[in-house]
Every structure is written in C-alpha cells, then in structure tokens.
Amino acid sequence: MPLAYSTFYKEQFSAFTGTLNDAQTLSYLPLNIQATKDSILHALKEIAAKASANDYFIFNFSGLSNLFMADSVNYNTYFFP
C-alpha cells in the first residue's frame, strides 16, 4: 500500500506535465523501526539540499495514534508516531 501513494503522485504529475522519468523523482519510504525522527529529518534535509525553484514537494505522513496520557485540560493526549 505505501508504494501506491508514490505511484499515484507520479501518475498525476505525468498526466499534468506530459513527462516523467525516474531521474526526476526522489522518494523516501521509511517504515516501522526505520521511521525515526532522525531518519525523517535526514530525508527532509537531503530533499531541501537537492530542491530547486520549480520543484514539486509532497510530504505524506501516515501512522497510527496511541493514547499518550490523560490530562485535565485536553482529556486525552494522543501521540502520532
């Protein structure tokens, strides 16, 4: 399923511009234990370093939420890893 997002966005870009090849795309897909704060920040820094003025950037973050704690103000606080 995660590759479906990448494929969808590539197909949309290709339909919009009429062209797309793998050399034009940069995709990161950290899963499970690889999806750490450090690995995500590293990928974002690499993308920023390679980006140019007319590039498209799509950031899709998907995950599960866990009840982190109950507090008296917000009732429940959720952590989205």
C-alpha atoms as a PDB file:
ATOM      1  CA  MET A   1       0.000   0.000   0.000  1.00  0.00           C
ATOM      2  CA  PRO A   2       2.710   2.616   0.761  1.00  0.00           C
ATOM      3  CA  LEU A   3       4.003   2.440  -2.811  1.00  0.00           C
ATOM      4  CA  ALA A   4       0.502   3.243  -4.031  1.00  0.00           C
ATOM      5  CA  TYR A   5       0.963   6.857  -2.887  1.00  0.00           C
ATOM      6  CA  SER A   6       4.208   7.201  -4.816  1.00  0.00           C
ATOM      7  CA  THR A   7       2.706   5.631  -7.933  1.00  0.00           C
ATOM      8  CA  PHE A   8      -0.393   7.832  -7.699  1.00  0.00           C
ATOM      9  CA  TYR A   9       1.581  11.058  -7.414  1.00  0.00           C
ATOM     10  CA  LYS A  10       3.912  10.072 -10.264  1.00  0.00           C
ATOM     11  CA  GLU A  11       0.928   9.274 -12.498  1.00  0.00           C
ATOM     12  CA  GLN A  12      -0.728  12.585 -11.623  1.00  0.00           C
ATOM     13  CA  PHE A  13       2.444  14.545 -12.351  1.00  0.00           C
ATOM     14  CA  SER A  14       2.947  12.707 -15.633  1.00  0.00           C
ATOM     15  CA  ALA A  15      -0.639  13.407 -16.702  1.00  0.00           C
ATOM     16  CA  PHE A  16      -0.240  17.090 -15.785  1.00  0.00           C
ATOM     17  CA  THR A  17       3.132  17.691 -17.430  1.00  0.00           C
ATOM     18  CA  GLY A  18       3.166  15.001 -20.097  1.00  0.00           C
ATOM     19  CA  THR A  19       6.528  13.690 -18.969  1.00  0.00           C
ATOM     20  CA  LEU A  20       8.167  11.930 -16.051  1.00  0.00           C
ATOM     21  CA  ASN A  21      11.142   9.670 -15.597  1.00  0.00           C
ATOM     22  CA  ASP A  22      12.745   8.135 -12.535  1.00  0.00           C
ATOM     23  CA  ALA A  23      15.655  10.587 -12.677  1.00  0.00           C
ATOM     24  CA  GLN A  24      13.158  13.396 -11.989  1.00  0.00           C
ATOM     25  CA  THR A  25      11.837  11.897  -8.768  1.00  0.00           C
ATOM     26  CA  LEU A  26      13.186  11.470  -5.282  1.00  0.00           C
ATOM     27  CA  SER A  27      11.206   9.290  -2.921  1.00  0.00           C
ATOM     28  CA  TYR A  28      11.762   8.156   0.661  1.00  0.00           C
ATOM     29  CA  LEU A  29       9.764   5.449   2.385  1.00  0.00           C
ATOM     30  CA  PRO A  30      10.937   4.764   5.944  1.00  0.00           C
ATOM     31  CA  LEU A  31       8.828   2.020   7.502  1.00  0.00           C
ATOM     32  CA  ASN A  32       8.401   0.691  11.011  1.00  0.00           C
ATOM     33  CA  ILE A  33      11.623   0.973  13.043  1.00  0.00           C
ATOM     34  CA  GLN A  34      13.305   2.908  10.207  1.00  0.00           C
ATOM     35  CA  ALA A  35      10.757   5.735  10.567  1.00  0.00           C
ATOM     36  CA  THR A  36      12.539   7.591  13.335  1.00  0.00           C
ATOM     37  CA  LYS A  37      12.661  11.323  13.906  1.00  0.00           C
ATOM     38  CA  ASP A  38      16.313  11.359  12.848  1.00  0.00           C
ATOM     39  CA  SER A  39      15.727   9.416   9.618  1.00  0.00           C
ATOM     40  CA  ILE A  40      12.791  11.639   8.646  1.00  0.00           C
ATOM     41  CA  LEU A  41      14.766  14.826   9.363  1.00  0.00           C
ATOM     42  CA  HIS A  42      17.730  13.453   7.396  1.00  0.00           C
ATOM     43  CA  ALA A  43      15.484  12.772   4.385  1.00  0.00           C
ATOM     44  CA  LEU A  44      13.933  16.254   4.588  1.00  0.00           C
ATOM     45  CA  LYS A  45      17.372  17.889   4.742  1.00  0.00           C
ATOM     46  CA  GLU A  46      18.537  15.871   1.722  1.00  0.00           C
ATOM     47  CA  ILE A  47      15.416  16.851  -0.211  1.00  0.00           C
ATOM     48  CA  ALA A  48      15.908  20.529   0.687  1.00  0.00           C
ATOM     49  CA  ALA A  49      19.534  20.391  -0.443  1.00  0.00           C
ATOM     50  CA  LYS A  50      18.557  18.946  -3.838  1.00  0.00           C
ATOM     51  CA  ALA A  51      15.435  21.056  -4.430  1.00  0.00           C
ATOM     52  CA  SER A  52      15.197  23.851  -6.951  1.00  0.00           C
ATOM     53  CA  ALA A  53      12.736  26.687  -7.513  1.00  0.00           C
ATOM     54  CA  ASN A  54      10.268  24.865  -9.772  1.00  0.00           C
ATOM     55  CA  ASP A  55      10.199  21.516  -7.974  1.00  0.00           C
ATOM     56  CA  TYR A  56       7.096  19.924  -6.523  1.00  0.00           C
ATOM     57  CA  PHE A  57       7.241  18.630  -2.956  1.00  0.00           C
ATOM     58  CA  ILE A  58       4.708  16.240  -1.459  1.00  0.00           C
ATOM     59  CA  PHE A  59       5.046  15.113   2.133  1.00  0.00           C
ATOM     60  CA  ASN A  60       2.718  12.336   3.203  1.00  0.00           C
ATOM     61  CA  PHE A  61       2.901  11.213   6.798  1.00  0.00           C
ATOM     62  CA  SER A  62       0.770   8.245   7.819  1.00  0.00           C
ATOM     63  CA  GLY A  63       0.756   6.393  11.080  1.00  0.00           C
ATOM     64  CA  LEU A  64      -1.228   5.111  13.983  1.00  0.00           C
ATOM     65  CA  SER A  65      -2.036   7.045  17.095  1.00  0.00           C
ATOM     66  CA  ASN A  66      -1.625   5.847  20.641  1.00  0.00           C
ATOM     67  CA  LEU A  67      -3.155   7.273  23.783  1.00  0.00           C
ATOM     68  CA  PHE A  68      -0.211   9.002  25.418  1.00  0.00           C
ATOM     69  CA  MET A  69      -1.769  10.340  28.593  1.00  0.00           C
ATOM     70  CA  ALA A  70      -4.956  11.729  30.016  1.00  0.00           C
ATOM     71  CA  ASP A  71      -4.737  15.320  31.165  1.00  0.00           C
ATOM     72  CA  SER A  72      -7.223  17.568  32.895  1.00  0.00           C
ATOM     73  CA  VAL A  73      -7.321  20.176  30.117  1.00  0.00           C
ATOM     74  CA  ASN A  74      -7.469  18.165  26.895  1.00  0.00           C
ATOM     75  CA  TYR A  75      -8.921  14.981  28.412  1.00  0.00           C
ATOM     76  CA  ASN A  76      -6.803  12.683  26.256  1.00  0.00           C
ATOM     77  CA  THR A  77      -3.500  13.381  24.573  1.00  0.00           C
ATOM     78  CA  TYR A  78      -2.561  11.268  21.572  1.00  0.00           C
ATOM     79  CA  PHE A  79       0.893  10.542  20.258  1.00  0.00           C
ATOM     80  CA  PHE A  80       1.202  10.174  16.479  1.00  0.00           C
ATOM     81  CA  PRO A  81       4.435   8.286  15.717  1.00  0.00           C
END
